[in-house]
N, C-alpha and C. Protein backbone atom coordinates (compact mmCIF):
# COMPACT_ATOMS: atom_id res chain seq x y z
N MET A 1 -8.22 9.69 8.74
CA MET A 1 -7.19 9.24 7.83
C MET A 1 -7.77 8.20 6.87
N ARG A 2 -7.46 8.37 5.61
CA ARG A 2 -7.84 7.38 4.61
C ARG A 2 -6.70 6.39 4.47
N SER A 3 -7.05 5.12 4.23
CA SER A 3 -6.01 4.12 4.00
C SER A 3 -6.58 2.98 3.17
N THR A 4 -5.67 2.21 2.60
CA THR A 4 -6.00 0.96 1.93
C THR A 4 -5.05 -0.08 2.47
N THR A 5 -5.60 -1.18 2.98
CA THR A 5 -4.79 -2.26 3.53
C THR A 5 -4.94 -3.49 2.64
N VAL A 6 -3.82 -4.00 2.14
CA VAL A 6 -3.81 -5.20 1.30
C VAL A 6 -3.39 -6.36 2.20
N ILE A 7 -4.19 -7.44 2.18
CA ILE A 7 -3.98 -8.56 3.11
C ILE A 7 -4.00 -9.88 2.34
N VAL A 8 -3.02 -10.74 2.59
CA VAL A 8 -3.03 -12.11 2.07
C VAL A 8 -3.68 -12.96 3.15
N VAL A 9 -4.85 -13.49 2.84
CA VAL A 9 -5.65 -14.15 3.86
C VAL A 9 -6.09 -15.53 3.39
N ASP A 10 -6.07 -16.48 4.32
CA ASP A 10 -6.41 -17.87 4.00
C ASP A 10 -7.90 -18.11 4.23
N VAL A 11 -8.69 -17.87 3.19
CA VAL A 11 -10.13 -18.13 3.25
C VAL A 11 -10.52 -18.94 2.02
N ASP A 12 -11.55 -19.74 2.18
CA ASP A 12 -12.02 -20.58 1.08
C ASP A 12 -12.91 -19.83 0.11
N ALA A 13 -13.67 -18.85 0.60
CA ALA A 13 -14.63 -18.15 -0.23
C ALA A 13 -14.70 -16.69 0.20
N PRO A 14 -14.95 -15.79 -0.74
CA PRO A 14 -14.99 -14.36 -0.43
C PRO A 14 -15.96 -14.00 0.69
N GLU A 15 -17.09 -14.70 0.77
CA GLU A 15 -18.09 -14.33 1.79
C GLU A 15 -17.60 -14.60 3.21
N VAL A 16 -16.59 -15.44 3.38
CA VAL A 16 -16.04 -15.71 4.71
C VAL A 16 -15.44 -14.44 5.30
N LEU A 17 -14.92 -13.56 4.46
CA LEU A 17 -14.31 -12.33 4.94
C LEU A 17 -15.30 -11.45 5.68
N GLN A 18 -16.56 -11.50 5.30
CA GLN A 18 -17.57 -10.67 5.95
C GLN A 18 -17.62 -10.95 7.45
N ASP A 19 -17.32 -12.19 7.86
CA ASP A 19 -17.43 -12.57 9.26
C ASP A 19 -16.15 -12.33 10.05
N LEU A 20 -15.07 -11.95 9.38
CA LEU A 20 -13.80 -11.72 10.07
C LEU A 20 -13.59 -10.23 10.30
N SER A 21 -13.29 -9.86 11.53
CA SER A 21 -12.98 -8.45 11.80
C SER A 21 -11.66 -8.10 11.13
N GLY A 22 -11.43 -6.81 10.93
CA GLY A 22 -10.17 -6.36 10.34
C GLY A 22 -8.98 -6.82 11.16
N GLU A 23 -9.09 -6.75 12.48
CA GLU A 23 -8.00 -7.19 13.35
C GLU A 23 -7.74 -8.68 13.19
N LYS A 24 -8.79 -9.48 13.11
CA LYS A 24 -8.61 -10.94 12.94
C LYS A 24 -8.02 -11.26 11.57
N ARG A 25 -8.43 -10.52 10.52
CA ARG A 25 -7.83 -10.74 9.19
C ARG A 25 -6.34 -10.49 9.23
N ARG A 26 -5.94 -9.39 9.87
CA ARG A 26 -4.51 -9.08 9.94
C ARG A 26 -3.75 -10.10 10.81
N ARG A 27 -4.33 -10.49 11.94
CA ARG A 27 -3.68 -11.41 12.86
C ARG A 27 -3.48 -12.80 12.24
N THR A 28 -4.42 -13.24 11.41
CA THR A 28 -4.33 -14.59 10.83
C THR A 28 -3.79 -14.57 9.41
N SER A 29 -3.36 -13.41 8.95
CA SER A 29 -2.90 -13.30 7.56
C SER A 29 -1.48 -13.82 7.39
N LEU A 30 -1.11 -14.00 6.13
CA LEU A 30 0.27 -14.36 5.78
C LEU A 30 1.10 -13.09 5.56
N GLY A 31 0.45 -11.97 5.54
CA GLY A 31 1.13 -10.69 5.34
C GLY A 31 0.14 -9.61 4.99
N TRP A 32 0.44 -8.38 5.39
CA TRP A 32 -0.43 -7.26 5.05
C TRP A 32 0.38 -5.98 5.00
N GLN A 33 -0.14 -5.03 4.24
CA GLN A 33 0.52 -3.75 4.06
C GLN A 33 -0.54 -2.66 4.06
N GLN A 34 -0.36 -1.66 4.92
CA GLN A 34 -1.30 -0.53 4.95
C GLN A 34 -0.70 0.64 4.20
N LEU A 35 -1.47 1.19 3.28
CA LEU A 35 -1.06 2.35 2.49
C LEU A 35 -1.92 3.53 2.89
N VAL A 36 -1.29 4.61 3.34
CA VAL A 36 -2.02 5.83 3.68
C VAL A 36 -2.41 6.51 2.37
N ARG A 37 -3.67 6.97 2.30
CA ARG A 37 -4.15 7.64 1.10
C ARG A 37 -4.46 9.10 1.40
N HIS A 38 -4.12 9.96 0.45
CA HIS A 38 -4.45 11.38 0.56
C HIS A 38 -5.60 11.70 -0.38
N SER A 39 -5.73 10.93 -1.41
CA SER A 39 -6.78 11.10 -2.40
C SER A 39 -8.04 10.36 -1.94
N ALA A 40 -9.19 10.87 -2.32
CA ALA A 40 -10.45 10.19 -2.00
C ALA A 40 -10.70 9.02 -2.95
N GLU A 41 -9.95 8.96 -4.04
CA GLU A 41 -10.12 7.90 -5.04
C GLU A 41 -9.54 6.60 -4.51
N HIS A 42 -10.26 5.51 -4.69
CA HIS A 42 -9.74 4.20 -4.31
C HIS A 42 -8.72 3.76 -5.34
N PRO A 43 -7.51 3.38 -4.91
CA PRO A 43 -6.43 3.10 -5.87
C PRO A 43 -6.69 1.89 -6.76
N ASP A 44 -7.44 0.90 -6.28
CA ASP A 44 -7.75 -0.25 -7.13
C ASP A 44 -8.63 0.16 -8.30
N ALA A 45 -9.65 0.96 -8.02
CA ALA A 45 -10.56 1.41 -9.07
C ALA A 45 -9.82 2.29 -10.08
N TYR A 46 -8.97 3.18 -9.59
CA TYR A 46 -8.20 4.05 -10.46
C TYR A 46 -7.28 3.23 -11.36
N PHE A 47 -6.57 2.27 -10.77
CA PHE A 47 -5.64 1.41 -11.49
C PHE A 47 -6.37 0.63 -12.59
N MET A 48 -7.48 -0.03 -12.23
CA MET A 48 -8.21 -0.85 -13.21
C MET A 48 -8.83 0.01 -14.31
N ARG A 49 -9.34 1.19 -13.95
CA ARG A 49 -9.95 2.08 -14.94
C ARG A 49 -8.90 2.63 -15.90
N ALA A 50 -7.75 3.09 -15.36
CA ALA A 50 -6.70 3.68 -16.21
C ALA A 50 -6.13 2.67 -17.19
N LEU A 51 -6.12 1.39 -16.80
CA LEU A 51 -5.53 0.36 -17.66
C LEU A 51 -6.58 -0.52 -18.33
N SER A 52 -7.85 -0.21 -18.12
CA SER A 52 -8.95 -1.03 -18.66
C SER A 52 -8.80 -2.50 -18.29
N LEU A 53 -8.58 -2.75 -17.00
CA LEU A 53 -8.39 -4.11 -16.50
C LEU A 53 -9.60 -4.58 -15.71
N ASP A 54 -9.84 -5.87 -15.77
CA ASP A 54 -10.83 -6.52 -14.92
C ASP A 54 -10.08 -7.59 -14.15
N LEU A 55 -9.97 -7.40 -12.84
CA LEU A 55 -9.23 -8.35 -12.01
C LEU A 55 -10.14 -9.37 -11.33
N GLY A 56 -11.39 -9.43 -11.72
CA GLY A 56 -12.30 -10.41 -11.14
C GLY A 56 -12.51 -10.19 -9.65
N VAL A 57 -12.57 -8.95 -9.24
CA VAL A 57 -12.70 -8.59 -7.83
C VAL A 57 -14.13 -8.77 -7.35
N VAL A 58 -14.27 -9.38 -6.18
CA VAL A 58 -15.57 -9.47 -5.52
C VAL A 58 -15.62 -8.36 -4.49
N GLU A 59 -16.62 -7.49 -4.60
CA GLU A 59 -16.75 -6.37 -3.67
C GLU A 59 -17.81 -6.69 -2.63
N HIS A 60 -17.56 -6.27 -1.40
CA HIS A 60 -18.50 -6.47 -0.31
C HIS A 60 -19.20 -5.17 0.01
N ASP A 61 -20.30 -5.27 0.73
CA ASP A 61 -21.03 -4.09 1.18
C ASP A 61 -20.15 -3.24 2.08
N LEU A 62 -20.46 -1.95 2.15
CA LEU A 62 -19.77 -1.06 3.06
C LEU A 62 -20.08 -1.45 4.49
N VAL A 63 -19.09 -1.34 5.35
CA VAL A 63 -19.25 -1.70 6.76
C VAL A 63 -18.84 -0.50 7.60
N ALA A 64 -19.71 -0.09 8.52
CA ALA A 64 -19.37 1.00 9.43
C ALA A 64 -18.37 0.52 10.45
N ASP A 65 -17.37 1.36 10.74
CA ASP A 65 -16.34 1.03 11.72
C ASP A 65 -15.97 2.31 12.45
N GLY A 66 -16.70 2.63 13.51
CA GLY A 66 -16.45 3.87 14.24
C GLY A 66 -16.72 5.08 13.37
N ASP A 67 -15.72 5.94 13.24
CA ASP A 67 -15.85 7.15 12.43
C ASP A 67 -15.53 6.90 10.96
N HIS A 68 -15.35 5.63 10.61
CA HIS A 68 -14.94 5.28 9.25
C HIS A 68 -15.92 4.30 8.61
N VAL A 69 -15.78 4.17 7.31
CA VAL A 69 -16.51 3.17 6.54
C VAL A 69 -15.47 2.31 5.84
N LEU A 70 -15.66 0.99 5.91
CA LEU A 70 -14.76 0.06 5.23
C LEU A 70 -15.41 -0.46 3.96
N HIS A 71 -14.65 -0.47 2.89
CA HIS A 71 -15.08 -1.04 1.62
C HIS A 71 -14.11 -2.17 1.33
N ARG A 72 -14.60 -3.41 1.36
CA ARG A 72 -13.73 -4.59 1.21
C ARG A 72 -13.85 -5.19 -0.17
N CYS A 73 -12.71 -5.65 -0.68
CA CYS A 73 -12.64 -6.32 -1.98
C CYS A 73 -11.78 -7.57 -1.82
N VAL A 74 -12.01 -8.56 -2.67
CA VAL A 74 -11.24 -9.79 -2.56
C VAL A 74 -11.03 -10.41 -3.93
N ILE A 75 -9.87 -11.04 -4.09
CA ILE A 75 -9.60 -11.91 -5.23
C ILE A 75 -9.47 -13.29 -4.61
N ASP A 76 -10.41 -14.18 -4.92
CA ASP A 76 -10.37 -15.49 -4.26
C ASP A 76 -9.30 -16.38 -4.87
N ARG A 77 -8.97 -17.43 -4.14
CA ARG A 77 -7.85 -18.29 -4.53
C ARG A 77 -8.05 -18.92 -5.90
N GLY A 78 -9.29 -19.13 -6.33
CA GLY A 78 -9.54 -19.72 -7.64
C GLY A 78 -9.15 -18.81 -8.80
N ASN A 79 -9.03 -17.50 -8.53
CA ASN A 79 -8.69 -16.54 -9.58
C ASN A 79 -7.27 -16.00 -9.48
N ILE A 80 -6.55 -16.40 -8.44
CA ILE A 80 -5.22 -15.82 -8.18
C ILE A 80 -4.26 -15.99 -9.34
N GLU A 81 -4.16 -17.18 -9.91
CA GLU A 81 -3.19 -17.41 -10.98
C GLU A 81 -3.49 -16.54 -12.21
N GLU A 82 -4.75 -16.46 -12.59
CA GLU A 82 -5.14 -15.62 -13.74
C GLU A 82 -4.86 -14.15 -13.47
N VAL A 83 -5.20 -13.68 -12.28
CA VAL A 83 -4.97 -12.28 -11.92
C VAL A 83 -3.48 -11.98 -11.89
N LEU A 84 -2.68 -12.90 -11.40
CA LEU A 84 -1.23 -12.69 -11.38
C LEU A 84 -0.70 -12.47 -12.79
N GLY A 85 -1.18 -13.26 -13.75
CA GLY A 85 -0.76 -13.07 -15.13
C GLY A 85 -1.13 -11.70 -15.67
N VAL A 86 -2.33 -11.24 -15.36
CA VAL A 86 -2.79 -9.92 -15.80
C VAL A 86 -1.93 -8.82 -15.17
N LEU A 87 -1.67 -8.94 -13.87
CA LEU A 87 -0.87 -7.92 -13.18
C LEU A 87 0.57 -7.90 -13.67
N GLU A 88 1.16 -9.07 -13.85
CA GLU A 88 2.55 -9.10 -14.32
C GLU A 88 2.67 -8.52 -15.72
N CYS A 89 1.68 -8.77 -16.55
CA CYS A 89 1.67 -8.18 -17.90
C CYS A 89 1.56 -6.65 -17.79
N ALA A 90 0.68 -6.17 -16.92
CA ALA A 90 0.49 -4.72 -16.76
C ALA A 90 1.75 -4.05 -16.21
N LEU A 91 2.49 -4.75 -15.36
CA LEU A 91 3.68 -4.18 -14.73
C LEU A 91 4.97 -4.45 -15.51
N ALA A 92 4.86 -5.18 -16.62
CA ALA A 92 6.05 -5.55 -17.40
C ALA A 92 6.79 -4.34 -17.97
N ASP A 93 6.06 -3.29 -18.29
CA ASP A 93 6.66 -2.07 -18.83
C ASP A 93 6.32 -0.92 -17.89
N PRO A 94 7.14 -0.71 -16.84
CA PRO A 94 6.81 0.29 -15.82
C PRO A 94 6.62 1.71 -16.35
N GLU A 95 7.42 2.10 -17.33
CA GLU A 95 7.31 3.46 -17.85
C GLU A 95 5.96 3.68 -18.53
N THR A 96 5.53 2.74 -19.36
CA THR A 96 4.25 2.86 -20.03
C THR A 96 3.11 2.81 -19.02
N LEU A 97 3.21 1.92 -18.05
CA LEU A 97 2.20 1.83 -17.00
C LEU A 97 2.05 3.17 -16.30
N CYS A 98 3.15 3.76 -15.89
CA CYS A 98 3.10 5.02 -15.15
C CYS A 98 2.63 6.18 -16.01
N GLU A 99 2.97 6.16 -17.29
CA GLU A 99 2.46 7.19 -18.20
C GLU A 99 0.94 7.10 -18.29
N ARG A 100 0.42 5.88 -18.37
CA ARG A 100 -1.05 5.70 -18.45
C ARG A 100 -1.73 6.13 -17.15
N LEU A 101 -1.12 5.80 -16.02
CA LEU A 101 -1.69 6.23 -14.75
C LEU A 101 -1.66 7.75 -14.63
N ALA A 102 -0.53 8.37 -14.98
CA ALA A 102 -0.39 9.82 -14.88
C ALA A 102 -1.28 10.55 -15.88
N ALA A 103 -1.54 9.94 -17.03
CA ALA A 103 -2.38 10.58 -18.05
C ALA A 103 -3.80 10.81 -17.53
N ALA A 104 -4.25 9.96 -16.64
CA ALA A 104 -5.59 10.11 -16.08
C ALA A 104 -5.62 11.14 -14.94
N SER A 105 -4.46 11.63 -14.55
CA SER A 105 -4.35 12.65 -13.51
C SER A 105 -3.25 13.62 -13.92
N PRO A 106 -3.56 14.52 -14.87
CA PRO A 106 -2.54 15.36 -15.50
C PRO A 106 -1.69 16.21 -14.56
N SER A 107 -2.16 16.47 -13.35
CA SER A 107 -1.36 17.29 -12.44
C SER A 107 -0.23 16.50 -11.79
N GLU A 108 -0.22 15.18 -12.00
CA GLU A 108 0.82 14.36 -11.38
C GLU A 108 1.98 14.10 -12.33
N SER A 109 3.15 14.08 -11.74
CA SER A 109 4.38 13.85 -12.51
C SER A 109 4.58 12.36 -12.74
N PRO A 110 4.82 11.95 -14.00
CA PRO A 110 5.13 10.54 -14.26
C PRO A 110 6.34 10.06 -13.45
N ALA A 111 7.30 10.95 -13.17
CA ALA A 111 8.47 10.56 -12.38
C ALA A 111 8.06 10.19 -10.96
N HIS A 112 7.12 10.93 -10.37
CA HIS A 112 6.63 10.59 -9.02
C HIS A 112 5.84 9.29 -9.05
N VAL A 113 5.10 9.07 -10.13
CA VAL A 113 4.30 7.85 -10.24
C VAL A 113 5.22 6.63 -10.34
N ILE A 114 6.27 6.72 -11.14
CA ILE A 114 7.19 5.58 -11.27
C ILE A 114 7.97 5.36 -9.97
N ALA A 115 8.27 6.43 -9.23
CA ALA A 115 8.94 6.28 -7.93
C ALA A 115 8.03 5.53 -6.96
N ALA A 116 6.74 5.83 -6.99
CA ALA A 116 5.78 5.13 -6.12
C ALA A 116 5.65 3.67 -6.53
N LEU A 117 5.68 3.40 -7.82
CA LEU A 117 5.62 2.02 -8.30
C LEU A 117 6.83 1.23 -7.81
N ARG A 118 7.99 1.82 -7.90
CA ARG A 118 9.23 1.14 -7.48
C ARG A 118 9.29 0.95 -5.97
N ALA A 119 8.82 1.95 -5.22
CA ALA A 119 8.91 1.90 -3.76
C ALA A 119 7.74 1.15 -3.12
N GLY A 120 6.62 1.08 -3.83
CA GLY A 120 5.42 0.49 -3.23
C GLY A 120 4.81 1.40 -2.19
N GLU A 121 5.12 2.68 -2.30
CA GLU A 121 4.65 3.66 -1.32
C GLU A 121 4.53 5.02 -2.01
N ALA A 122 3.43 5.71 -1.75
CA ALA A 122 3.23 7.04 -2.33
C ALA A 122 3.80 8.10 -1.39
N SER A 123 4.20 9.22 -1.95
CA SER A 123 4.75 10.31 -1.14
C SER A 123 3.61 11.05 -0.43
N PRO A 124 3.93 11.77 0.64
CA PRO A 124 2.90 12.56 1.32
C PRO A 124 2.25 13.55 0.34
N GLY A 125 0.94 13.64 0.39
CA GLY A 125 0.22 14.54 -0.50
C GLY A 125 0.06 14.01 -1.91
N ALA A 126 0.32 12.73 -2.12
CA ALA A 126 0.23 12.13 -3.46
C ALA A 126 -1.18 12.19 -4.01
N GLY A 127 -1.26 12.13 -5.32
CA GLY A 127 -2.54 12.08 -6.00
C GLY A 127 -2.91 10.64 -6.32
N PRO A 128 -4.03 10.45 -7.01
CA PRO A 128 -4.52 9.10 -7.26
C PRO A 128 -3.62 8.24 -8.15
N ALA A 129 -2.90 8.82 -9.08
CA ALA A 129 -2.02 8.02 -9.95
C ALA A 129 -0.86 7.43 -9.15
N GLU A 130 -0.26 8.24 -8.31
CA GLU A 130 0.84 7.77 -7.47
C GLU A 130 0.35 6.71 -6.49
N GLU A 131 -0.81 6.93 -5.90
CA GLU A 131 -1.36 5.96 -4.96
C GLU A 131 -1.73 4.65 -5.67
N ALA A 132 -2.22 4.74 -6.89
CA ALA A 132 -2.55 3.53 -7.66
C ALA A 132 -1.29 2.74 -8.00
N ALA A 133 -0.20 3.45 -8.31
CA ALA A 133 1.07 2.78 -8.61
C ALA A 133 1.59 2.04 -7.37
N ALA A 134 1.56 2.68 -6.21
CA ALA A 134 1.99 2.03 -4.98
C ALA A 134 1.10 0.83 -4.66
N PHE A 135 -0.20 0.99 -4.86
CA PHE A 135 -1.14 -0.11 -4.63
C PHE A 135 -0.81 -1.29 -5.56
N ALA A 136 -0.53 -1.01 -6.83
CA ALA A 136 -0.24 -2.08 -7.80
C ALA A 136 0.96 -2.90 -7.37
N THR A 137 2.01 -2.23 -6.88
CA THR A 137 3.19 -2.95 -6.41
C THR A 137 2.86 -3.86 -5.25
N ASN A 138 2.11 -3.35 -4.28
CA ASN A 138 1.73 -4.15 -3.12
C ASN A 138 0.78 -5.27 -3.51
N LEU A 139 -0.12 -4.99 -4.44
CA LEU A 139 -1.07 -6.01 -4.87
C LEU A 139 -0.35 -7.16 -5.57
N VAL A 140 0.55 -6.88 -6.49
CA VAL A 140 1.22 -7.96 -7.21
C VAL A 140 2.08 -8.79 -6.25
N GLU A 141 2.72 -8.16 -5.28
CA GLU A 141 3.50 -8.92 -4.30
C GLU A 141 2.59 -9.82 -3.47
N SER A 142 1.42 -9.31 -3.10
CA SER A 142 0.47 -10.10 -2.31
C SER A 142 -0.11 -11.24 -3.13
N VAL A 143 -0.41 -10.98 -4.40
CA VAL A 143 -0.96 -12.04 -5.26
C VAL A 143 0.09 -13.13 -5.49
N ARG A 144 1.35 -12.75 -5.62
CA ARG A 144 2.41 -13.77 -5.75
C ARG A 144 2.47 -14.65 -4.51
N MET A 145 2.37 -14.03 -3.34
CA MET A 145 2.38 -14.81 -2.10
C MET A 145 1.14 -15.70 -2.02
N ALA A 146 0.00 -15.16 -2.42
CA ALA A 146 -1.24 -15.94 -2.38
C ALA A 146 -1.15 -17.14 -3.32
N LYS A 147 -0.52 -16.97 -4.47
CA LYS A 147 -0.35 -18.10 -5.39
C LYS A 147 0.55 -19.16 -4.76
N ARG A 148 1.62 -18.72 -4.13
CA ARG A 148 2.58 -19.65 -3.51
C ARG A 148 1.91 -20.48 -2.41
N TYR A 149 1.01 -19.86 -1.64
CA TYR A 149 0.38 -20.55 -0.51
C TYR A 149 -1.08 -20.95 -0.75
N TRP A 150 -1.56 -20.76 -1.99
CA TRP A 150 -2.93 -21.11 -2.38
C TRP A 150 -3.95 -20.48 -1.43
N THR A 151 -3.86 -19.13 -1.34
CA THR A 151 -4.77 -18.36 -0.50
C THR A 151 -5.42 -17.26 -1.32
N ALA A 152 -6.09 -16.36 -0.66
CA ALA A 152 -6.78 -15.25 -1.32
C ALA A 152 -6.10 -13.93 -0.93
N VAL A 153 -6.45 -12.87 -1.65
CA VAL A 153 -5.98 -11.53 -1.33
C VAL A 153 -7.21 -10.65 -1.15
N CYS A 154 -7.21 -9.91 -0.06
CA CYS A 154 -8.28 -8.93 0.10
C CYS A 154 -7.65 -7.58 0.39
N TRP A 155 -8.42 -6.55 0.19
CA TRP A 155 -7.99 -5.22 0.61
C TRP A 155 -9.22 -4.49 1.08
N GLU A 156 -8.97 -3.59 1.98
CA GLU A 156 -10.07 -2.78 2.50
C GLU A 156 -9.67 -1.32 2.47
N HIS A 157 -10.60 -0.54 1.97
CA HIS A 157 -10.42 0.91 1.95
C HIS A 157 -11.09 1.45 3.20
N ARG A 158 -10.38 2.24 3.94
CA ARG A 158 -10.92 2.90 5.14
C ARG A 158 -11.06 4.38 4.82
N ASP A 159 -12.29 4.86 4.82
CA ASP A 159 -12.59 6.26 4.50
C ASP A 159 -13.41 6.88 5.63
N PRO A 160 -13.28 8.20 5.80
CA PRO A 160 -14.12 8.85 6.82
C PRO A 160 -15.60 8.63 6.51
N ARG A 161 -16.36 8.42 7.56
CA ARG A 161 -17.80 8.22 7.41
C ARG A 161 -18.41 9.55 6.93
N PRO A 162 -19.27 9.49 5.91
CA PRO A 162 -19.92 10.72 5.43
C PRO A 162 -20.74 11.37 6.55
N VAL A 163 -20.73 12.65 6.56
CA VAL A 163 -21.47 13.38 7.61
C VAL A 163 -22.89 13.63 7.19
């Protein structure tokens, strides 16, 4: 199963996350949300590429975890306020946002993409645009919480280990 987990975590620096297991990050977090993915595309990369955004993400090396590989990303507390402004601007016009996401994946319906944006959850069998919309909703909620508590936001993509 592929998934992306968004976590609000109290760390001082992105490199601290490397030493925390996924279970410890979730246990000590202020909140987390796991999104099941059907697409092989990582929703953060799809979202940023479709909107030409740079969220100042720090990426970590891939980490083996059983039959899966984890790809971790973080927005540290020093960048949270700026990133929140960028995300709120991107989400200010949901219809235009969803049209841009769907345009990069023509087989997806803009109506399904906007439903995922509103629900914060993609439908079973969703494509990358719908998954990116659900991710964006969860990310902005997490960044708002991180700003309120002066913490960081990380997410980890869990993908099957290549054979």
